[in-house]
Amino acid sequence: MKILLVEDEPLIALTLVDMLEELGHRPLEALNGDQALTLFGEHDDIDLVITDVGLPDISGHNLAETMRSGSPALPIIFATGHTGQGPQPITPEPPTAHLGKPFQVAELQSTIDRLMAVARKG
């Protein structure tokens, strides 16, 4: 699966790219919203976006809104360092999940699997 990863912290981005590759995915990496929008425009086969909520140039939520203006059913995982909220349910329309950082490989794959199952039903 081709996944656009948007994370402004280079070490976290590198770790997440490694995790996604280990899981058999094909990640594209963007360090900010501008890079993410450029990659999103260049690749029409992105299956899923994982974005940090607190990016330096745009919020992850505003980035998602911009991307979904042309692809309303685009599945998006919002990754945030603000934990303590507990597990949140997957939102089906549009397909959305939240994942608290840090997270383990199994938790990432489980969230991807659950989100994509909901997206396929939608």
N, C-alpha and C. Protein backbone atom coordinates (compact mmCIF):
# COMPACT_ATOMS: atom_id res chain seq x y z
N MET A 1 0.84 -1.16 0.00
CA MET A 1 0.00 0.00 0.00
C MET A 1 0.90 1.24 0.00
N LYS A 2 0.56 2.23 -0.82
CA LYS A 2 1.34 3.47 -0.85
C LYS A 2 0.77 4.43 0.19
N ILE A 3 1.65 4.85 1.11
CA ILE A 3 1.25 5.68 2.24
C ILE A 3 2.06 6.97 2.24
N LEU A 4 1.36 8.10 2.28
CA LEU A 4 2.02 9.39 2.42
C LEU A 4 2.16 9.68 3.91
N LEU A 5 3.40 9.80 4.37
CA LEU A 5 3.70 10.08 5.77
C LEU A 5 4.13 11.53 5.88
N VAL A 6 3.44 12.29 6.74
CA VAL A 6 3.76 13.70 6.94
C VAL A 6 4.16 13.88 8.40
N GLU A 7 5.45 14.11 8.63
CA GLU A 7 6.00 14.23 9.99
C GLU A 7 7.16 15.22 9.94
N ASP A 8 7.10 16.27 10.77
CA ASP A 8 8.12 17.32 10.73
C ASP A 8 9.37 17.02 11.54
N GLU A 9 9.34 16.02 12.39
CA GLU A 9 10.53 15.64 13.16
C GLU A 9 11.29 14.56 12.38
N PRO A 10 12.49 14.88 11.85
CA PRO A 10 13.21 13.94 10.98
C PRO A 10 13.46 12.56 11.59
N LEU A 11 13.82 12.49 12.87
CA LEU A 11 14.09 11.18 13.47
C LEU A 11 12.82 10.35 13.60
N ILE A 12 11.71 11.00 13.95
CA ILE A 12 10.44 10.29 14.03
C ILE A 12 10.02 9.83 12.64
N ALA A 13 10.20 10.71 11.64
CA ALA A 13 9.85 10.35 10.26
C ALA A 13 10.65 9.14 9.80
N LEU A 14 11.95 9.13 10.09
CA LEU A 14 12.80 8.01 9.70
C LEU A 14 12.33 6.72 10.36
N THR A 15 12.00 6.79 11.63
CA THR A 15 11.50 5.61 12.35
C THR A 15 10.20 5.11 11.74
N LEU A 16 9.29 6.03 11.44
CA LEU A 16 8.00 5.63 10.86
C LEU A 16 8.15 5.06 9.46
N VAL A 17 9.05 5.63 8.67
CA VAL A 17 9.31 5.07 7.33
C VAL A 17 9.82 3.64 7.47
N ASP A 18 10.75 3.41 8.40
CA ASP A 18 11.27 2.06 8.63
C ASP A 18 10.15 1.11 9.06
N MET A 19 9.27 1.57 9.95
CA MET A 19 8.15 0.74 10.41
C MET A 19 7.24 0.37 9.23
N LEU A 20 6.91 1.37 8.43
CA LEU A 20 6.00 1.12 7.30
C LEU A 20 6.63 0.17 6.28
N GLU A 21 7.93 0.34 6.01
CA GLU A 21 8.61 -0.57 5.08
C GLU A 21 8.66 -1.99 5.66
N GLU A 22 8.90 -2.09 6.96
CA GLU A 22 8.92 -3.40 7.62
C GLU A 22 7.57 -4.11 7.47
N LEU A 23 6.50 -3.33 7.45
CA LEU A 23 5.16 -3.88 7.30
C LEU A 23 4.78 -4.14 5.84
N GLY A 24 5.69 -3.83 4.92
CA GLY A 24 5.44 -4.11 3.51
C GLY A 24 4.79 -2.97 2.74
N HIS A 25 4.72 -1.78 3.35
CA HIS A 25 4.11 -0.64 2.67
C HIS A 25 5.17 0.15 1.92
N ARG A 26 4.71 1.04 1.05
CA ARG A 26 5.60 1.91 0.27
C ARG A 26 5.37 3.36 0.71
N PRO A 27 6.15 3.82 1.69
CA PRO A 27 5.93 5.17 2.20
C PRO A 27 6.56 6.26 1.33
N LEU A 28 5.86 7.37 1.23
CA LEU A 28 6.39 8.62 0.70
C LEU A 28 6.51 9.55 1.89
N GLU A 29 7.63 10.25 2.02
CA GLU A 29 7.87 11.05 3.22
C GLU A 29 7.83 12.54 2.90
N ALA A 30 7.08 13.28 3.71
CA ALA A 30 7.05 14.74 3.63
C ALA A 30 7.32 15.30 5.02
N LEU A 31 8.13 16.36 5.09
CA LEU A 31 8.47 16.95 6.38
C LEU A 31 7.59 18.14 6.75
N ASN A 32 6.71 18.55 5.83
CA ASN A 32 5.79 19.65 6.12
C ASN A 32 4.60 19.58 5.18
N GLY A 33 3.66 20.49 5.37
CA GLY A 33 2.45 20.48 4.56
C GLY A 33 2.69 20.76 3.10
N ASP A 34 3.60 21.70 2.79
CA ASP A 34 3.89 22.01 1.39
C ASP A 34 4.42 20.78 0.65
N GLN A 35 5.38 20.09 1.26
CA GLN A 35 5.92 18.88 0.64
C GLN A 35 4.83 17.83 0.48
N ALA A 36 3.98 17.71 1.48
CA ALA A 36 2.90 16.72 1.43
C ALA A 36 1.95 17.01 0.27
N LEU A 37 1.57 18.26 0.11
CA LEU A 37 0.64 18.62 -0.98
C LEU A 37 1.29 18.41 -2.34
N THR A 38 2.60 18.69 -2.44
CA THR A 38 3.31 18.45 -3.70
C THR A 38 3.31 16.96 -4.03
N LEU A 39 3.69 16.13 -3.07
CA LEU A 39 3.71 14.68 -3.29
C LEU A 39 2.31 14.15 -3.59
N PHE A 40 1.32 14.66 -2.88
CA PHE A 40 -0.06 14.22 -3.10
C PHE A 40 -0.51 14.55 -4.52
N GLY A 41 -0.08 15.70 -5.03
CA GLY A 41 -0.42 16.08 -6.39
C GLY A 41 0.32 15.27 -7.44
N GLU A 42 1.52 14.81 -7.11
CA GLU A 42 2.35 14.05 -8.05
C GLU A 42 2.00 12.57 -8.09
N HIS A 43 1.37 12.06 -7.05
CA HIS A 43 1.07 10.63 -6.94
C HIS A 43 -0.43 10.44 -6.79
N ASP A 44 -1.06 9.93 -7.83
CA ASP A 44 -2.51 9.73 -7.77
C ASP A 44 -2.90 8.35 -7.22
N ASP A 45 -1.91 7.61 -6.74
CA ASP A 45 -2.17 6.26 -6.25
C ASP A 45 -1.90 6.12 -4.74
N ILE A 46 -1.99 7.21 -4.00
CA ILE A 46 -1.79 7.16 -2.55
C ILE A 46 -3.03 6.54 -1.92
N ASP A 47 -2.81 5.49 -1.13
CA ASP A 47 -3.91 4.76 -0.50
C ASP A 47 -4.31 5.32 0.86
N LEU A 48 -3.36 5.96 1.53
CA LEU A 48 -3.57 6.37 2.92
C LEU A 48 -2.59 7.49 3.25
N VAL A 49 -3.02 8.41 4.12
CA VAL A 49 -2.14 9.46 4.63
C VAL A 49 -2.03 9.31 6.14
N ILE A 50 -0.79 9.38 6.63
CA ILE A 50 -0.55 9.46 8.07
C ILE A 50 0.10 10.82 8.30
N THR A 51 -0.55 11.67 9.08
CA THR A 51 -0.01 13.01 9.30
C THR A 51 0.07 13.36 10.77
N ASP A 52 1.15 14.04 11.10
CA ASP A 52 1.27 14.64 12.42
C ASP A 52 0.22 15.74 12.50
N VAL A 53 -0.32 15.96 13.67
CA VAL A 53 -1.32 17.01 13.83
C VAL A 53 -0.66 18.38 13.87
N GLY A 54 0.49 18.49 14.53
CA GLY A 54 1.15 19.78 14.71
C GLY A 54 2.32 19.97 13.76
N LEU A 55 2.02 20.35 12.53
CA LEU A 55 3.06 20.63 11.54
C LEU A 55 3.44 22.11 11.61
N PRO A 56 4.66 22.47 11.16
CA PRO A 56 5.08 23.87 11.29
C PRO A 56 4.34 24.85 10.38
N ASP A 57 3.87 24.40 9.23
CA ASP A 57 3.28 25.33 8.26
C ASP A 57 1.77 25.21 8.11
N ILE A 58 1.18 24.14 8.63
CA ILE A 58 -0.26 23.93 8.52
C ILE A 58 -0.64 22.87 9.55
N SER A 59 -1.83 22.92 10.07
CA SER A 59 -2.24 21.85 10.99
C SER A 59 -2.55 20.59 10.18
N GLY A 60 -2.37 19.46 10.80
CA GLY A 60 -2.69 18.21 10.12
C GLY A 60 -4.15 18.15 9.69
N HIS A 61 -5.03 18.75 10.47
CA HIS A 61 -6.46 18.75 10.13
C HIS A 61 -6.73 19.62 8.90
N ASN A 62 -6.06 20.77 8.80
CA ASN A 62 -6.22 21.61 7.61
C ASN A 62 -5.62 20.94 6.38
N LEU A 63 -4.51 20.25 6.57
CA LEU A 63 -3.89 19.50 5.47
C LEU A 63 -4.86 18.44 4.96
N ALA A 64 -5.47 17.71 5.87
CA ALA A 64 -6.43 16.67 5.49
C ALA A 64 -7.61 17.27 4.74
N GLU A 65 -8.10 18.40 5.22
CA GLU A 65 -9.23 19.06 4.56
C GLU A 65 -8.87 19.44 3.12
N THR A 66 -7.66 19.96 2.93
CA THR A 66 -7.21 20.33 1.59
C THR A 66 -7.11 19.10 0.69
N MET A 67 -6.51 18.03 1.18
CA MET A 67 -6.37 16.81 0.39
C MET A 67 -7.73 16.21 0.07
N ARG A 68 -8.63 16.25 1.02
CA ARG A 68 -9.95 15.64 0.81
C ARG A 68 -10.87 16.49 -0.06
N SER A 69 -10.48 17.71 -0.36
CA SER A 69 -11.33 18.52 -1.24
C SER A 69 -11.43 17.88 -2.62
N GLY A 70 -10.39 17.16 -3.03
CA GLY A 70 -10.42 16.45 -4.31
C GLY A 70 -10.56 14.95 -4.17
N SER A 71 -10.35 14.43 -2.98
CA SER A 71 -10.44 12.99 -2.69
C SER A 71 -11.17 12.80 -1.37
N PRO A 72 -12.50 12.98 -1.37
CA PRO A 72 -13.25 13.00 -0.11
C PRO A 72 -13.19 11.71 0.71
N ALA A 73 -12.92 10.58 0.08
CA ALA A 73 -12.89 9.30 0.80
C ALA A 73 -11.47 8.89 1.20
N LEU A 74 -10.50 9.80 1.10
CA LEU A 74 -9.11 9.49 1.43
C LEU A 74 -8.97 9.10 2.90
N PRO A 75 -8.48 7.89 3.20
CA PRO A 75 -8.27 7.49 4.59
C PRO A 75 -7.08 8.25 5.19
N ILE A 76 -7.27 8.78 6.40
CA ILE A 76 -6.21 9.55 7.06
C ILE A 76 -6.09 9.13 8.51
N ILE A 77 -4.84 8.94 8.94
CA ILE A 77 -4.52 8.70 10.35
C ILE A 77 -3.84 9.95 10.87
N PHE A 78 -4.39 10.52 11.94
CA PHE A 78 -3.77 11.66 12.61
C PHE A 78 -2.93 11.12 13.75
N ALA A 79 -1.62 11.38 13.69
CA ALA A 79 -0.70 10.96 14.75
C ALA A 79 -0.43 12.17 15.64
N THR A 80 -0.56 11.98 16.94
CA THR A 80 -0.37 13.10 17.86
C THR A 80 0.41 12.68 19.08
N GLY A 81 1.21 13.59 19.58
CA GLY A 81 1.95 13.34 20.82
C GLY A 81 1.10 13.61 22.04
N HIS A 82 -0.09 14.13 21.84
CA HIS A 82 -1.00 14.43 22.96
C HIS A 82 -1.79 13.17 23.28
N THR A 83 -1.24 12.36 24.16
CA THR A 83 -1.90 11.11 24.51
C THR A 83 -2.72 11.29 25.77
N GLY A 84 -3.29 10.24 26.24
CA GLY A 84 -4.09 10.28 27.43
C GLY A 84 -5.58 10.29 27.12
N GLN A 85 -5.91 10.37 25.85
CA GLN A 85 -7.31 10.37 25.45
C GLN A 85 -7.85 8.96 25.35
N GLY A 86 -6.98 7.98 25.36
CA GLY A 86 -7.42 6.60 25.20
C GLY A 86 -7.70 6.29 23.74
N PRO A 87 -7.95 5.03 23.42
CA PRO A 87 -8.22 4.65 22.04
C PRO A 87 -9.49 5.34 21.53
N GLN A 88 -9.42 5.81 20.32
CA GLN A 88 -10.57 6.46 19.72
C GLN A 88 -11.11 5.60 18.59
N PRO A 89 -12.42 5.60 18.40
CA PRO A 89 -12.98 4.80 17.32
C PRO A 89 -12.63 5.36 15.96
N ILE A 90 -12.69 4.50 14.97
CA ILE A 90 -12.49 4.91 13.58
C ILE A 90 -13.75 5.64 13.13
N THR A 91 -13.58 6.77 12.47
CA THR A 91 -14.70 7.51 11.90
C THR A 91 -14.87 7.06 10.45
N PRO A 92 -16.05 6.58 10.05
CA PRO A 92 -16.19 6.04 8.70
C PRO A 92 -16.30 7.09 7.58
N GLU A 93 -16.90 8.22 7.82
CA GLU A 93 -17.09 9.18 6.73
C GLU A 93 -16.70 10.57 7.17
N PRO A 94 -15.58 11.07 6.70
CA PRO A 94 -14.56 10.37 5.91
C PRO A 94 -13.74 9.44 6.81
N PRO A 95 -13.13 8.41 6.21
CA PRO A 95 -12.39 7.42 7.01
C PRO A 95 -11.20 8.06 7.74
N THR A 96 -11.29 8.10 9.07
CA THR A 96 -10.31 8.80 9.88
C THR A 96 -10.00 8.00 11.14
N ALA A 97 -8.71 8.01 11.52
CA ALA A 97 -8.29 7.39 12.78
C ALA A 97 -7.31 8.32 13.48
N HIS A 98 -7.18 8.16 14.79
CA HIS A 98 -6.21 8.90 15.58
C HIS A 98 -5.31 7.90 16.29
N LEU A 99 -4.02 8.23 16.34
CA LEU A 99 -3.04 7.33 16.94
C LEU A 99 -2.09 8.17 17.79
N GLY A 100 -2.00 7.84 19.08
CA GLY A 100 -1.13 8.58 19.97
C GLY A 100 0.32 8.13 19.85
N LYS A 101 1.23 9.11 19.75
CA LYS A 101 2.66 8.80 19.69
C LYS A 101 3.21 8.79 21.11
N PRO A 102 4.16 7.93 21.39
CA PRO A 102 4.74 6.92 20.49
C PRO A 102 3.84 5.69 20.41
N PHE A 103 3.99 4.95 19.32
CA PHE A 103 3.22 3.73 19.15
C PHE A 103 4.12 2.64 18.61
N GLN A 104 3.68 1.40 18.79
CA GLN A 104 4.44 0.23 18.35
C GLN A 104 4.02 -0.17 16.94
N VAL A 105 4.85 -0.98 16.30
CA VAL A 105 4.57 -1.45 14.94
C VAL A 105 3.21 -2.14 14.87
N ALA A 106 2.93 -3.01 15.83
CA ALA A 106 1.66 -3.76 15.81
C ALA A 106 0.46 -2.81 15.93
N GLU A 107 0.59 -1.78 16.74
CA GLU A 107 -0.50 -0.81 16.90
C GLU A 107 -0.72 -0.02 15.61
N LEU A 108 0.38 0.33 14.94
CA LEU A 108 0.28 1.03 13.66
C LEU A 108 -0.42 0.16 12.63
N GLN A 109 0.01 -1.10 12.50
CA GLN A 109 -0.60 -1.99 11.51
C GLN A 109 -2.06 -2.25 11.82
N SER A 110 -2.38 -2.42 13.09
CA SER A 110 -3.77 -2.64 13.48
C SER A 110 -4.64 -1.44 13.11
N THR A 111 -4.14 -0.24 13.34
CA THR A 111 -4.89 0.97 12.99
C THR A 111 -5.06 1.07 11.49
N ILE A 112 -4.01 0.79 10.73
CA ILE A 112 -4.10 0.81 9.26
C ILE A 112 -5.14 -0.20 8.80
N ASP A 113 -5.07 -1.42 9.32
CA ASP A 113 -6.01 -2.48 8.90
C ASP A 113 -7.45 -2.09 9.21
N ARG A 114 -7.69 -1.60 10.42
CA ARG A 114 -9.05 -1.22 10.81
C ARG A 114 -9.57 -0.06 9.96
N LEU A 115 -8.72 0.93 9.74
CA LEU A 115 -9.14 2.09 8.94
C LEU A 115 -9.44 1.70 7.51
N MET A 116 -8.60 0.87 6.91
CA MET A 116 -8.81 0.48 5.52
C MET A 116 -10.05 -0.41 5.38
N ALA A 117 -10.34 -1.22 6.40
CA ALA A 117 -11.57 -2.03 6.37
C ALA A 117 -12.80 -1.13 6.37
N VAL A 118 -12.77 -0.09 7.19
CA VAL A 118 -13.88 0.87 7.23
C VAL A 118 -13.98 1.62 5.90
N ALA A 119 -12.83 2.01 5.35
CA ALA A 119 -12.82 2.75 4.08
C ALA A 119 -13.40 1.91 2.95
N ARG A 120 -13.09 0.61 2.93
CA ARG A 120 -13.60 -0.27 1.88
C ARG A 120 -15.12 -0.43 1.97
N LYS A 121 -15.65 -0.42 3.20
CA LYS A 121 -17.09 -0.55 3.38
C LYS A 121 -17.83 0.70 2.92
N GLY A 122 -17.17 1.87 3.12
CA GLY A 122 -17.80 3.16 2.82
C GLY A 122 -18.14 3.31 1.39
